[in-house]
N, C-alpha and C. Protein backbone atom coordinates (compact mmCIF):
# COMPACT_ATOMS: atom_id res chain seq x y z
N MET A 1 129.25 109.93 82.69
CA MET A 1 128.86 108.58 81.58
C MET A 1 129.01 109.00 80.56
N LEU A 2 129.32 108.04 79.46
CA LEU A 2 129.55 108.09 78.30
C LEU A 2 128.12 108.01 77.34
N TYR A 3 128.04 109.27 76.63
CA TYR A 3 126.79 108.72 75.76
C TYR A 3 127.11 107.97 74.09
N TYR A 4 126.47 107.04 73.57
CA TYR A 4 126.62 107.10 72.19
C TYR A 4 125.73 108.51 71.54
N ASN A 5 126.88 108.95 71.01
CA ASN A 5 126.44 110.38 69.91
C ASN A 5 125.22 111.41 70.52
N GLY A 6 125.97 111.61 72.21
CA GLY A 6 125.97 112.31 72.80
C GLY A 6 124.24 112.36 73.14
N LYS A 7 123.48 110.93 73.39
CA LYS A 7 122.60 110.87 73.72
C LYS A 7 122.15 109.93 74.92
N LYS A 8 121.44 109.69 76.17
CA LYS A 8 121.57 109.01 77.14
C LYS A 8 120.33 108.21 76.49
N HIS A 9 120.40 106.76 77.10
CA HIS A 9 119.48 105.82 76.69
C HIS A 9 118.75 105.50 77.98
N ILE A 10 117.44 104.97 77.91
CA ILE A 10 116.34 104.68 78.76
C ILE A 10 115.55 103.13 78.63
N VAL A 11 115.71 102.32 79.74
CA VAL A 11 115.37 101.31 79.54
C VAL A 11 114.14 101.52 80.18
N TYR A 12 113.17 100.87 79.48
CA TYR A 12 111.46 101.04 80.51
C TYR A 12 110.66 99.59 80.35
N ALA A 13 109.41 99.17 81.07
CA ALA A 13 108.70 98.09 80.78
C ALA A 13 107.47 98.76 80.77
N LEU A 14 107.11 97.64 79.85
CA LEU A 14 105.04 98.05 79.90
C LEU A 14 104.66 97.14 80.77
N VAL A 15 103.81 97.75 81.55
CA VAL A 15 103.30 96.78 82.95
C VAL A 15 101.89 96.89 82.75
N ASP A 16 101.12 95.60 82.77
CA ASP A 16 99.42 95.33 82.78
C ASP A 16 99.03 95.54 84.82
N ASP A 17 97.94 96.05 84.78
CA ASP A 17 97.66 96.45 86.37
C ASP A 17 98.10 95.54 87.49
N GLY A 18 98.67 94.60 87.29
CA GLY A 18 98.96 93.89 88.12
C GLY A 18 100.66 94.32 88.35
N ASN A 19 101.11 95.49 88.02
CA ASN A 19 102.48 95.41 87.82
C ASN A 19 103.35 94.57 87.23
N ILE A 20 102.91 93.20 86.41
CA ILE A 20 103.65 92.43 85.71
C ILE A 20 104.49 92.82 84.26
N ALA A 21 105.49 92.82 84.29
CA ALA A 21 106.04 93.73 82.79
C ALA A 21 105.57 92.48 81.69
N ARG A 22 105.12 93.07 81.04
CA ARG A 22 104.81 92.74 79.10
C ARG A 22 105.73 92.81 78.25
N TYR A 23 106.28 94.08 78.50
CA TYR A 23 107.19 94.36 77.21
C TYR A 23 108.27 94.88 77.90
N VAL A 24 109.72 95.00 77.04
CA VAL A 24 110.50 95.44 77.85
C VAL A 24 111.31 96.13 76.54
N GLY A 25 111.90 97.49 76.49
CA GLY A 25 112.28 98.26 75.49
C GLY A 25 113.51 99.24 76.22
N HIS A 26 114.13 99.81 75.13
CA HIS A 26 115.51 100.89 75.16
C HIS A 26 114.61 101.93 74.30
N THR A 27 115.05 103.47 74.30
CA THR A 27 114.97 104.49 73.69
C THR A 27 115.94 105.67 73.67
N ASN A 28 116.11 106.55 73.27
CA ASN A 28 116.92 107.77 73.00
C ASN A 28 115.53 108.93 73.30
N ASN A 29 114.25 108.42 73.09
CA ASN A 29 113.55 109.46 72.86
C ASN A 29 112.23 108.83 73.50
N LEU A 30 112.15 108.95 74.86
CA LEU A 30 110.82 108.64 75.39
C LEU A 30 109.00 108.91 75.39
N GLU A 31 109.34 110.66 74.73
CA GLU A 31 108.21 110.43 74.62
C GLU A 31 107.63 110.07 73.40
N VAL A 32 108.63 110.13 72.40
CA VAL A 32 108.21 109.07 71.12
C VAL A 32 107.86 108.12 71.23
N ARG A 33 108.58 107.23 72.18
CA ARG A 33 108.47 106.01 72.30
C ARG A 33 107.32 105.48 73.32
N ALA A 34 106.74 106.49 74.06
CA ALA A 34 105.20 106.55 74.91
C ALA A 34 104.18 106.89 73.92
N ILE A 35 104.33 107.77 72.89
CA ILE A 35 103.31 107.87 72.19
C ILE A 35 102.60 106.63 70.89
N ALA A 36 103.94 106.44 70.37
CA ALA A 36 103.95 104.93 70.11
C ALA A 36 103.16 104.09 70.16
N HIS A 37 103.55 103.24 71.74
CA HIS A 37 103.06 102.82 72.69
C HIS A 37 101.42 103.00 72.55
N SER A 38 101.53 104.20 73.10
CA SER A 38 100.25 104.55 73.01
C SER A 38 99.16 104.48 72.00
N ASN A 39 99.56 104.40 70.65
CA ASN A 39 98.78 104.07 69.55
C ASN A 39 98.52 102.68 69.42
N ASN A 40 98.96 101.88 70.06
CA ASN A 40 99.35 100.43 69.63
C ASN A 40 98.05 100.24 70.20
N ILE A 41 97.12 99.17 69.70
CA ILE A 41 96.12 98.58 70.38
C ILE A 41 96.17 97.74 71.54
N TYR A 42 97.40 97.30 71.38
CA TYR A 42 97.98 95.85 72.35
C TYR A 42 98.81 96.40 73.20
N LYS A 43 99.40 97.64 73.32
CA LYS A 43 100.05 98.00 74.48
C LYS A 43 99.57 99.35 75.05
N ALA A 44 98.62 100.02 74.32
CA ALA A 44 97.64 100.71 74.92
C ALA A 44 97.57 101.32 76.38
N PRO A 45 96.86 100.19 76.83
CA PRO A 45 96.49 99.58 78.12
C PRO A 45 97.76 99.65 79.32
N LEU A 46 98.66 99.40 78.47
CA LEU A 46 99.50 99.15 79.31
C LEU A 46 100.39 100.22 80.07
N GLU A 47 100.65 100.00 81.10
CA GLU A 47 101.52 100.98 81.43
C GLU A 47 103.42 101.31 81.57
N MET A 48 103.34 102.38 81.28
CA MET A 48 105.24 102.59 80.87
C MET A 48 105.80 103.13 81.95
N ARG A 49 106.98 102.14 82.31
CA ARG A 49 107.49 102.86 83.63
C ARG A 49 109.37 102.43 83.64
N ILE A 50 109.92 103.72 83.70
CA ILE A 50 111.35 103.43 83.75
C ILE A 50 111.80 102.59 84.55
N ILE A 51 113.17 101.95 84.30
CA ILE A 51 113.60 101.36 84.85
C ILE A 51 115.00 101.58 85.01
N SER A 52 115.50 101.87 83.87
CA SER A 52 116.80 102.81 83.98
C SER A 52 117.10 104.08 82.97
N ASP A 53 117.36 105.42 83.65
CA ASP A 53 117.62 106.42 82.30
C ASP A 53 118.86 106.65 82.50
N LYS A 54 119.68 105.82 82.75
CA LYS A 54 121.47 106.85 83.07
C LYS A 54 122.04 106.01 82.15
N LEU A 55 122.21 105.13 81.12
CA LEU A 55 122.72 104.06 80.20
C LEU A 55 123.15 104.52 79.37
N ASN A 56 124.09 104.31 78.82
CA ASN A 56 124.69 104.69 77.42
C ASN A 56 124.06 103.71 76.10
N TYR A 57 124.53 104.01 74.93
CA TYR A 57 123.41 103.02 73.68
C TYR A 57 123.54 101.64 74.03
N PHE A 58 124.92 101.17 74.56
CA PHE A 58 125.21 99.35 74.45
C PHE A 58 125.13 99.27 76.07
N GLU A 59 125.25 99.73 77.01
CA GLU A 59 124.59 99.64 78.39
C GLU A 59 122.72 99.10 78.26
N ALA A 60 121.83 100.27 77.36
CA ALA A 60 120.82 100.26 77.35
C ALA A 60 120.51 98.65 76.34
N ARG A 61 121.20 98.91 75.35
CA ARG A 61 121.10 97.28 74.69
C ARG A 61 120.95 95.94 75.35
N GLY A 62 122.34 96.15 76.26
CA GLY A 62 122.20 95.11 77.23
C GLY A 62 121.58 94.72 78.24
N VAL A 63 121.08 95.81 78.83
CA VAL A 63 120.18 95.62 79.86
C VAL A 63 118.58 95.33 79.20
N GLU A 64 118.22 95.94 78.30
CA GLU A 64 116.89 95.54 77.47
C GLU A 64 117.07 94.31 77.11
N GLN A 65 118.26 93.73 76.72
CA GLN A 65 117.71 92.44 76.22
C GLN A 65 117.95 91.20 77.63
N ASN A 66 118.45 91.46 78.79
CA ASN A 66 118.68 90.59 79.67
C ASN A 66 117.16 90.46 80.43
N LEU A 67 116.41 91.96 80.57
CA LEU A 67 115.22 91.54 81.00
C LEU A 67 113.98 91.19 80.27
N ILE A 68 114.34 91.29 78.74
CA ILE A 68 113.38 90.32 77.90
C ILE A 68 113.78 89.04 78.47
N GLU A 69 114.70 88.38 78.65
CA GLU A 69 114.81 87.06 78.83
C GLU A 69 114.49 87.00 80.54
N TYR A 70 114.93 87.30 81.17
CA TYR A 70 114.88 87.51 82.63
C TYR A 70 113.11 87.47 82.76
N CYS A 71 112.34 88.71 82.40
CA CYS A 71 111.10 88.47 82.75
C CYS A 71 110.36 88.05 82.05
N HIS A 72 110.86 86.99 80.95
CA HIS A 72 109.98 86.18 79.73
C HIS A 72 109.12 86.60 78.70
N VAL A 73 109.57 87.76 78.77
CA VAL A 73 108.46 88.66 77.79
C VAL A 73 108.67 88.54 76.41
N LEU A 74 109.22 87.44 76.12
CA LEU A 74 109.62 87.18 74.72
C LEU A 74 108.08 86.03 74.16
N ASN A 75 107.08 86.88 73.49
CA ASN A 75 105.89 85.84 72.97
C ASN A 75 105.56 85.99 72.08
N LYS A 76 105.69 85.72 71.26
CA LYS A 76 105.08 85.98 69.70
C LYS A 76 103.69 85.17 69.26
N GLY A 77 102.79 84.90 70.25
CA GLY A 77 101.63 84.47 69.93
C GLY A 77 101.04 85.96 70.73
N ASP A 78 101.53 86.53 71.45
CA ASP A 78 100.56 87.57 72.35
C ASP A 78 101.26 89.18 71.36
N LEU A 79 100.77 89.99 71.05
CA LEU A 79 101.22 91.36 70.43
C LEU A 79 101.39 92.31 71.40
N MET A 80 100.96 91.64 72.49
CA MET A 80 101.17 92.75 73.83
C MET A 80 102.77 92.43 74.35
N TYR A 81 103.63 91.48 73.87
CA TYR A 81 104.39 91.05 74.33
C TYR A 81 106.18 91.64 73.41
N ASN A 82 106.90 91.30 73.97
CA ASN A 82 107.91 91.67 72.78
C ASN A 82 107.60 90.55 71.57
N GLN A 83 108.19 90.64 70.74
CA GLN A 83 108.00 89.69 69.61
C GLN A 83 109.28 89.42 69.15
N ARG A 84 110.15 90.19 69.12
CA ARG A 84 111.77 89.41 68.79
C ARG A 84 112.75 90.19 70.24
N ASN A 85 114.17 89.28 70.06
CA ASN A 85 115.12 89.63 71.21
C ASN A 85 115.47 90.92 70.71
N GLY A 86 115.59 92.05 71.81
CA GLY A 86 116.36 93.09 70.88
C GLY A 86 118.08 92.76 70.28
N ILE A 87 118.81 91.67 70.67
CA ILE A 87 119.80 91.22 70.23
C ILE A 87 119.43 89.72 70.10
N ARG A 88 120.23 89.55 68.87
CA ARG A 88 120.26 88.32 68.24
C ARG A 88 121.14 87.20 68.93
N TYR A 89 120.60 86.16 69.66
CA TYR A 89 121.32 85.10 70.40
C TYR A 89 122.42 84.69 69.62
N GLY A 90 123.89 84.73 70.01
CA GLY A 90 124.75 83.73 69.68
C GLY A 90 125.99 84.81 68.77
N THR A 91 125.56 85.83 68.89
CA THR A 91 126.39 86.74 67.93
C THR A 91 127.31 87.40 68.86
N ASP A 92 128.15 88.14 68.51
CA ASP A 92 129.33 88.68 68.78
C ASP A 92 128.37 89.93 69.77
N ASN A 93 127.33 90.12 69.35
CA ASN A 93 126.96 91.35 70.05
C ASN A 93 126.09 91.09 71.31
N TYR A 94 125.76 89.94 71.01
CA TYR A 94 124.67 89.84 71.71
C TYR A 94 125.40 89.26 73.33
N TYR A 95 126.88 88.60 73.11
CA TYR A 95 127.34 88.64 74.39
C TYR A 95 128.20 89.80 74.79
N ASN A 96 128.51 90.53 73.72
CA ASN A 96 129.03 92.31 74.68
C ASN A 96 128.50 92.81 75.20
N PHE A 97 127.12 93.31 74.56
CA PHE A 97 126.02 93.72 75.07
C PHE A 97 125.40 93.42 76.20
N THR A 98 125.51 92.11 76.04
CA THR A 98 124.55 91.64 77.68
C THR A 98 125.84 91.44 78.79
N ARG A 99 126.72 91.26 78.38
CA ARG A 99 127.59 91.50 79.72
C ARG A 99 127.70 93.12 79.84
N MET A 100 128.13 94.00 79.27
CA MET A 100 127.60 95.53 79.65
C MET A 100 126.39 95.87 80.36
N GLY A 101 125.40 94.88 79.91
CA GLY A 101 124.14 95.20 80.34
C GLY A 101 123.98 94.86 82.02
N SER A 102 124.51 93.77 81.71
CA SER A 102 124.89 93.13 83.34
C SER A 102 125.74 93.88 83.87
N ILE A 103 126.71 94.12 83.81
CA ILE A 103 127.58 95.31 85.20
C ILE A 103 126.64 96.52 85.13
N ALA A 104 126.15 97.21 83.90
CA ALA A 104 125.09 98.51 84.16
C ALA A 104 123.84 98.13 85.32
N PHE A 105 123.45 97.42 85.07
CA PHE A 105 121.98 96.71 86.11
C PHE A 105 122.60 95.87 87.33
N ASP A 106 123.48 95.86 88.05
CA ASP A 106 123.91 94.69 88.50
C ASP A 106 123.42 95.09 90.01
N ASN A 107 123.29 96.37 90.59
CA ASN A 107 122.85 96.65 91.67
C ASN A 107 121.33 96.88 91.78
N THR A 108 120.42 96.19 90.64
CA THR A 108 118.77 96.38 90.41
C THR A 108 118.75 94.84 90.94
N ILE A 109 117.82 95.17 92.01
CA ILE A 109 116.64 93.86 91.79
C ILE A 109 115.42 94.02 91.61
N ILE A 110 114.76 92.84 90.41
CA ILE A 110 113.33 92.71 90.05
C ILE A 110 112.46 91.48 90.25
N PRO A 111 112.14 91.74 91.46
CA PRO A 111 111.41 90.11 91.82
C PRO A 111 110.14 89.90 91.01
N ILE A 112 110.76 88.28 90.88
CA ILE A 112 109.67 87.39 90.04
C ILE A 112 108.20 87.07 90.91
N GLN A 113 107.79 87.10 90.33
CA GLN A 113 106.37 86.47 90.52
C GLN A 113 105.95 85.36 89.35
N GLY A 114 106.16 84.44 90.17
CA GLY A 114 105.55 82.59 89.20
C GLY A 114 107.16 82.86 88.04
N ASP A 115 106.59 82.99 86.64
CA ASP A 115 107.83 83.51 85.96
C ASP A 115 108.17 85.02 85.25
N LYS A 116 107.51 85.87 85.64
CA LYS A 116 107.08 87.09 85.54
C LYS A 116 107.99 87.96 86.26
N CYS A 117 108.01 88.98 85.99
CA CYS A 117 109.00 90.37 86.58
C CYS A 117 107.94 91.02 87.06
N TYR A 118 107.86 91.49 88.58
CA TYR A 118 107.12 92.45 89.57
C TYR A 118 107.78 94.22 89.23
N ILE A 119 107.29 95.11 88.38
CA ILE A 119 107.50 95.96 88.16
C ILE A 119 107.06 97.17 89.35
N ASP A 120 107.47 97.23 90.61
CA ASP A 120 106.99 97.87 91.76
C ASP A 120 107.07 99.10 91.61
N SER A 121 105.84 100.40 91.17
CA SER A 121 105.66 101.97 91.08
C SER A 121 106.19 102.43 92.07
N ASN A 122 106.41 102.16 93.01
CA ASN A 122 107.04 102.84 94.23
C ASN A 122 108.77 103.01 93.77
N ILE A 123 109.07 101.65 92.74
CA ILE A 123 110.57 101.73 92.92
C ILE A 123 110.62 102.10 91.24
N TYR A 124 110.31 101.98 90.52
CA TYR A 124 109.93 102.36 88.80
C TYR A 124 109.28 103.38 88.59
N PRO A 125 109.06 104.73 88.44
CA PRO A 125 108.56 105.63 88.21
C PRO A 125 107.55 105.08 87.00
N ALA A 126 105.97 105.88 86.83
CA ALA A 126 105.23 105.84 85.76
C ALA A 126 105.77 107.00 84.78
N VAL A 127 105.62 106.66 83.50
CA VAL A 127 105.52 107.66 82.82
C VAL A 127 104.23 108.30 82.56
N LYS A 128 104.25 109.58 82.85
CA LYS A 128 102.99 109.79 82.69
C LYS A 128 103.07 111.30 81.08
């Protein structure tokens, strides 16, 4: 695996008590991101789950954006959710990164409940 700047990148979801994704993000420092989310009053009640931890920067950006759309977690009216897309729609980066993300995430299936993603704790480990 090639890493951007020698670092691996992680895509994660923040889930509620029903295991429904409310936020999707990516990071190269999971501990720092977990602390930041735990200090956010809207995201603190949510549990962080690792979706993939074997991605390079470009794949992680693409997987993150694909999951923001797939899991319907973009909601500017509720601060628990993503407030913006990871990549601006319609740009060259959008098409390039989301294509790379689709390839990197091709073998993973996240079930949908209604219009939300169910993030099973038996498949996607919680960050403690």
